[in-house]
Structure formats: structure tokens, C-alpha cells
N, C-alpha and C. Protein backbone atom coordinates (compact mmCIF):
# COMPACT_ATOMS: atom_id res chain seq x y z
N MET A 1 83.98 83.33 88.49
CA MET A 1 84.31 82.06 89.33
C MET A 1 85.61 82.35 89.86
N THR A 2 85.89 82.01 91.16
CA THR A 2 87.26 82.18 91.92
C THR A 2 87.90 80.81 91.67
N ASP A 3 89.29 81.04 91.22
CA ASP A 3 90.07 79.93 91.26
C ASP A 3 90.71 79.48 92.60
N ILE A 4 90.73 78.19 92.85
CA ILE A 4 91.08 77.85 94.25
C ILE A 4 92.60 77.18 94.05
N LYS A 5 93.37 77.82 94.75
CA LYS A 5 94.91 77.43 94.58
C LYS A 5 95.12 76.38 95.85
N LYS A 6 95.81 75.31 95.19
CA LYS A 6 96.21 74.09 96.09
C LYS A 6 97.34 74.62 97.21
N MET A 7 97.22 74.34 98.24
CA MET A 7 98.23 74.75 99.28
C MET A 7 99.42 73.71 99.17
N THR A 8 100.55 74.17 99.40
CA THR A 8 101.72 73.53 99.51
C THR A 8 101.79 72.77 100.85
N GLU A 9 102.85 71.71 100.80
CA GLU A 9 103.15 70.98 102.13
C GLU A 9 103.30 72.03 103.29
N GLN A 10 104.20 72.88 103.07
CA GLN A 10 104.60 73.89 103.97
C GLN A 10 103.45 74.63 104.46
N GLU A 11 102.57 75.12 103.52
CA GLU A 11 101.26 76.08 103.89
C GLU A 11 100.48 75.11 104.77
N LEU A 12 100.25 73.88 104.37
CA LEU A 12 99.40 73.05 105.30
C LEU A 12 99.93 72.79 106.49
N GLU A 13 101.14 72.67 106.75
CA GLU A 13 102.11 72.39 107.90
C GLU A 13 101.77 73.61 108.91
N ASN A 14 101.89 74.80 108.25
CA ASN A 14 101.82 76.16 108.88
C ASN A 14 100.38 76.17 109.41
N ALA A 15 99.46 75.98 108.59
CA ALA A 15 97.98 76.20 109.09
C ALA A 15 97.75 75.23 110.14
N ALA A 16 98.28 74.14 110.13
CA ALA A 16 97.91 73.08 111.10
C ALA A 16 98.63 73.54 112.55
N GLY A 17 99.55 74.41 112.55
CA GLY A 17 100.25 74.69 113.75
C GLY A 17 101.22 75.63 113.95
N GLY A 18 101.82 75.84 112.48
CA GLY A 18 102.79 76.84 112.66
C GLY A 18 104.25 76.30 112.55
N VAL A 19 105.11 76.83 111.90
CA VAL A 19 106.45 76.36 111.57
C VAL A 19 107.40 77.55 111.71
N ALA A 20 108.24 77.71 112.51
CA ALA A 20 109.12 78.74 112.43
C ALA A 20 110.02 78.72 111.15
N GLY A 21 110.26 79.89 110.60
CA GLY A 21 111.15 79.73 109.34
C GLY A 21 110.22 79.57 108.15
N PHE A 22 109.04 79.41 108.27
CA PHE A 22 108.20 79.27 107.14
C PHE A 22 108.15 80.30 106.12
N ASN A 23 108.29 80.38 104.87
CA ASN A 23 108.12 81.46 103.96
C ASN A 23 106.73 81.58 103.45
N TYR A 24 106.15 82.75 103.49
CA TYR A 24 104.81 83.00 103.00
C TYR A 24 104.85 83.20 101.60
N GLY A 25 105.78 83.30 100.86
CA GLY A 25 106.01 83.21 99.55
C GLY A 25 106.41 84.49 99.07
N ASN A 26 106.83 85.52 100.03
CA ASN A 26 107.50 86.79 99.43
C ASN A 26 106.52 87.41 98.57
N GLY A 27 105.08 87.37 98.71
CA GLY A 27 104.21 88.02 97.86
C GLY A 27 103.39 89.15 98.83
N TRP A 28 102.32 89.85 98.05
CA TRP A 28 101.62 90.67 98.66
C TRP A 28 100.45 90.26 99.44
N ARG A 29 100.17 90.81 100.62
CA ARG A 29 99.00 90.44 101.51
C ARG A 29 98.28 91.61 101.86
N THR A 30 97.17 91.49 102.33
CA THR A 30 96.05 92.61 102.82
C THR A 30 96.23 92.57 104.38
N VAL A 31 96.57 93.50 104.99
CA VAL A 31 96.32 93.84 106.49
C VAL A 31 94.73 93.72 106.87
N LYS A 32 94.58 92.71 107.69
CA LYS A 32 93.06 92.40 108.31
C LYS A 32 93.25 92.20 109.71
N ASN A 33 91.97 92.25 110.21
CA ASN A 33 91.54 91.81 111.73
C ASN A 33 91.98 93.08 112.57
N LEU A 34 92.48 94.18 112.24
CA LEU A 34 92.67 95.18 113.16
C LEU A 34 91.45 95.77 113.72
N GLN A 35 91.54 96.08 114.90
CA GLN A 35 90.49 96.81 115.79
C GLN A 35 91.03 98.08 116.40
N GLY A 36 92.33 98.16 116.52
CA GLY A 36 92.93 99.28 117.27
C GLY A 36 93.34 100.52 116.37
N GLY A 37 93.22 100.19 115.05
CA GLY A 37 93.35 101.37 114.16
C GLY A 37 94.68 101.02 113.11
N TYR A 38 95.59 100.69 113.55
CA TYR A 38 96.88 100.47 112.69
C TYR A 38 97.67 99.39 113.12
N LEU A 39 98.52 98.95 112.29
CA LEU A 39 99.60 97.63 112.43
C LEU A 39 100.86 98.19 112.74
N ALA A 40 101.30 97.88 113.85
CA ALA A 40 102.73 98.40 114.13
C ALA A 40 103.59 97.44 113.41
N LEU A 41 104.61 98.04 112.86
CA LEU A 41 105.82 97.10 112.29
C LEU A 41 106.97 97.30 113.41
N ARG A 42 107.52 96.17 113.43
CA ARG A 42 108.51 96.11 114.69
C ARG A 42 109.85 95.61 114.51
N THR A 43 110.91 95.94 115.28
CA THR A 43 112.47 95.62 114.96
C THR A 43 112.51 94.14 115.43
N ALA A 44 111.57 93.56 116.28
CA ALA A 44 111.93 92.46 116.90
C ALA A 44 110.45 91.73 116.83
N PRO A 45 110.43 90.33 116.74
CA PRO A 45 109.20 89.74 116.86
C PRO A 45 108.57 89.57 118.14
N SER A 46 108.10 90.69 118.78
CA SER A 46 107.57 90.72 120.34
C SER A 46 106.65 92.00 120.10
N PHE A 47 105.74 91.83 121.19
CA PHE A 47 104.68 92.94 121.41
C PHE A 47 105.48 93.93 122.49
N ASN A 48 105.88 94.99 121.85
CA ASN A 48 106.57 95.86 122.90
C ASN A 48 106.59 97.19 122.24
N TYR A 49 106.31 98.18 123.06
CA TYR A 49 106.15 99.50 122.40
C TYR A 49 107.67 100.15 121.99
N GLU A 50 108.79 99.62 122.75
CA GLU A 50 109.97 100.14 122.45
C GLU A 50 110.64 99.61 121.02
N ASN A 51 109.85 98.46 120.48
CA ASN A 51 110.59 97.90 119.34
C ASN A 51 109.64 98.38 118.03
N GLU A 52 108.73 99.39 118.09
CA GLU A 52 107.94 99.72 117.07
C GLU A 52 108.83 100.64 116.11
N VAL A 53 108.91 100.27 114.84
CA VAL A 53 109.45 100.96 113.88
C VAL A 53 108.71 102.24 113.52
N ILE A 54 107.43 102.02 113.38
CA ILE A 54 106.49 102.94 113.04
C ILE A 54 105.25 103.02 113.92
N HIS A 55 104.82 104.30 114.48
CA HIS A 55 103.79 104.39 115.43
C HIS A 55 102.40 104.40 114.76
N THR A 56 102.33 104.81 113.59
CA THR A 56 101.11 104.72 112.73
C THR A 56 101.34 104.15 111.54
N GLY A 57 100.95 102.94 111.59
CA GLY A 57 101.29 102.07 110.21
C GLY A 57 100.27 101.69 109.41
N PRO A 58 100.14 100.56 108.91
CA PRO A 58 99.19 100.13 107.84
C PRO A 58 97.74 99.80 108.48
N LYS A 59 96.73 100.09 107.86
CA LYS A 59 95.42 99.88 108.48
C LYS A 59 94.76 98.65 107.71
N ASN A 60 93.39 98.47 107.99
CA ASN A 60 92.89 97.32 107.30
C ASN A 60 92.74 97.60 105.84
N GLY A 61 92.95 96.56 105.10
CA GLY A 61 92.79 96.80 103.66
C GLY A 61 94.15 97.28 102.86
N MET A 62 95.06 97.68 103.50
CA MET A 62 96.31 97.97 103.03
C MET A 62 97.06 97.02 102.61
N LEU A 63 98.02 96.89 101.57
CA LEU A 63 98.88 95.93 101.21
C LEU A 63 100.22 96.12 101.76
N VAL A 64 100.73 94.91 102.24
CA VAL A 64 102.16 94.81 102.41
C VAL A 64 102.85 93.65 101.81
N GLN A 65 104.08 93.76 101.62
CA GLN A 65 104.73 92.80 100.90
C GLN A 65 105.50 91.90 101.87
N ILE A 66 105.47 90.54 101.81
CA ILE A 66 106.29 89.66 102.89
C ILE A 66 107.55 89.61 102.12
N THR A 67 108.69 89.75 102.88
CA THR A 67 109.92 89.64 102.30
C THR A 67 110.70 88.88 103.11
N GLY A 68 110.20 88.06 104.11
CA GLY A 68 111.12 87.49 104.93
C GLY A 68 110.29 86.09 105.60
N ASN A 69 111.03 85.19 106.20
CA ASN A 69 110.42 84.16 106.85
C ASN A 69 109.49 84.42 108.14
N THR A 70 108.81 83.57 108.65
CA THR A 70 108.02 83.61 109.90
C THR A 70 109.00 83.20 110.93
N VAL A 71 108.76 83.80 112.31
CA VAL A 71 109.52 83.52 113.34
C VAL A 71 108.73 83.32 114.59
N SER A 72 108.81 82.62 115.65
CA SER A 72 108.00 82.58 116.65
C SER A 72 108.38 83.85 117.65
N GLY A 73 107.36 84.40 118.35
CA GLY A 73 107.57 85.55 119.14
C GLY A 73 106.49 85.44 120.31
N THR A 74 106.38 86.78 120.82
CA THR A 74 105.33 86.79 121.95
C THR A 74 104.45 88.16 121.49
N GLY A 75 103.17 87.66 121.65
CA GLY A 75 102.29 88.75 121.35
C GLY A 75 101.57 89.51 122.45
N ILE A 76 100.58 89.92 122.51
CA ILE A 76 99.99 90.73 123.52
C ILE A 76 99.78 89.99 124.80
N ASN A 77 100.09 90.53 126.02
CA ASN A 77 100.13 89.84 127.30
C ASN A 77 100.90 88.54 127.25
N GLY A 78 102.10 88.46 126.53
CA GLY A 78 102.88 87.53 126.53
C GLY A 78 102.41 85.95 125.79
N VAL A 79 101.37 86.07 125.17
CA VAL A 79 100.79 84.95 124.40
C VAL A 79 101.72 84.63 123.10
N PRO A 80 101.89 83.37 122.98
CA PRO A 80 102.96 83.14 121.81
C PRO A 80 102.23 83.59 120.32
N ALA A 81 102.99 84.10 119.59
CA ALA A 81 102.61 84.52 118.10
C ALA A 81 103.61 84.21 117.23
N THR A 82 103.03 84.19 116.03
CA THR A 82 103.94 84.09 114.73
C THR A 82 104.26 85.40 114.15
N TYR A 83 105.25 85.81 113.69
CA TYR A 83 105.74 87.16 113.18
C TYR A 83 106.27 86.91 111.82
N VAL A 84 105.98 87.78 111.00
CA VAL A 84 106.57 87.82 109.74
C VAL A 84 107.00 89.06 109.26
N TRP A 85 108.51 89.12 108.37
CA TRP A 85 108.95 90.40 107.97
C TRP A 85 108.29 90.88 106.80
N VAL A 86 107.60 92.06 107.03
CA VAL A 86 107.01 92.75 105.71
C VAL A 86 107.46 94.10 105.50
N TYR A 87 107.28 94.58 104.22
CA TYR A 87 107.46 95.93 103.66
C TYR A 87 106.16 96.68 103.48
N SER A 88 106.27 97.86 103.92
CA SER A 88 104.89 98.62 103.85
C SER A 88 105.19 99.70 102.66
N PRO A 89 104.76 99.40 101.40
CA PRO A 89 104.98 100.65 100.48
C PRO A 89 104.36 101.96 100.77
N ASP A 90 103.27 101.84 101.61
CA ASP A 90 102.54 103.10 101.87
C ASP A 90 103.36 104.03 102.97
N PHE A 91 104.12 103.42 103.58
CA PHE A 91 104.95 104.02 104.70
C PHE A 91 106.53 103.97 104.48
N GLY A 92 107.11 103.20 103.52
CA GLY A 92 108.33 102.81 103.37
C GLY A 92 109.20 102.44 104.20
N VAL A 93 108.67 101.49 105.03
CA VAL A 93 109.54 100.93 106.11
C VAL A 93 109.21 99.33 106.06
N SER A 94 109.99 98.67 106.67
CA SER A 94 109.95 97.26 107.06
C SER A 94 109.94 96.97 108.43
N GLY A 95 109.51 95.62 108.83
CA GLY A 95 109.52 95.20 110.14
C GLY A 95 108.66 93.93 110.32
N TYR A 96 108.75 93.49 111.52
CA TYR A 96 107.88 92.31 111.97
C TYR A 96 106.46 92.81 112.33
N VAL A 97 105.55 91.88 111.90
CA VAL A 97 104.22 91.93 112.36
C VAL A 97 103.58 90.69 112.57
N ASN A 98 102.74 90.69 113.45
CA ASN A 98 102.00 89.51 113.89
C ASN A 98 101.27 88.83 112.70
N ALA A 99 101.52 87.70 112.19
CA ALA A 99 100.89 87.22 111.10
C ALA A 99 99.36 87.01 111.05
N TYR A 100 98.89 87.05 112.28
CA TYR A 100 97.35 86.90 112.57
C TYR A 100 96.79 88.13 111.83
N TYR A 101 97.51 89.24 111.62
CA TYR A 101 97.02 90.48 110.98
C TYR A 101 97.29 90.57 109.55
N ILE A 102 97.72 89.51 108.87
CA ILE A 102 97.98 89.50 107.39
C ILE A 102 97.29 88.50 106.68
N GLY A 103 96.40 88.82 105.73
CA GLY A 103 95.58 88.09 104.91
C GLY A 103 96.22 87.36 103.92
């Protein structure tokens, strides 16, 4: 049987609409929802080829460690997105990733 963890007030607020500066708990999370092959880690919280730290990054199912707070940014086609700073042990690099792709 799976234990259900109660969400904190900050986690509830983030789920309801997002909060800049929310801390995901500096824990390990799984990469998810990828359809294009890999997750780019970025130097800035925006979707831009020029800010990619690594061009072939984590894939679905790989673990990343959240090491920073979330910030607001822009996703694909300028759509607002939430980004979080993570570390990828498989690639040895850190950067911003769109929180949509972190489980």
C-alpha cells in the first residue's frame, strides 16, 4: 500500500496557480512528459536555444535533484512557464528546467 504524503501550504498554493520562489523541497524528482527526446538544462528561465547548458540532457525516467527555487519564465512560443534549478547526476551539470517536465 502506498503512503499518501500531506501537502504543505506552499505546495497547495503552487499547485493552485504557482508561486515564484517556491521551493520544491530540494529533493530528487523524475523527468517526465518528454516527447522530443531529452530535457535541456538552461542558464536562464526561458525557452531559448542560446541558453542551453547541455544539448542532450536527461530523458524520461531519469532522476534530477532540485537544488533551487522556482521562478517564472517563458516556455515554448512565449507561453508563461515555471522553471526550477536542478542538478543532473547523469550529466554532471545544473540548470533551469521547465517544472512541467519534473515529476
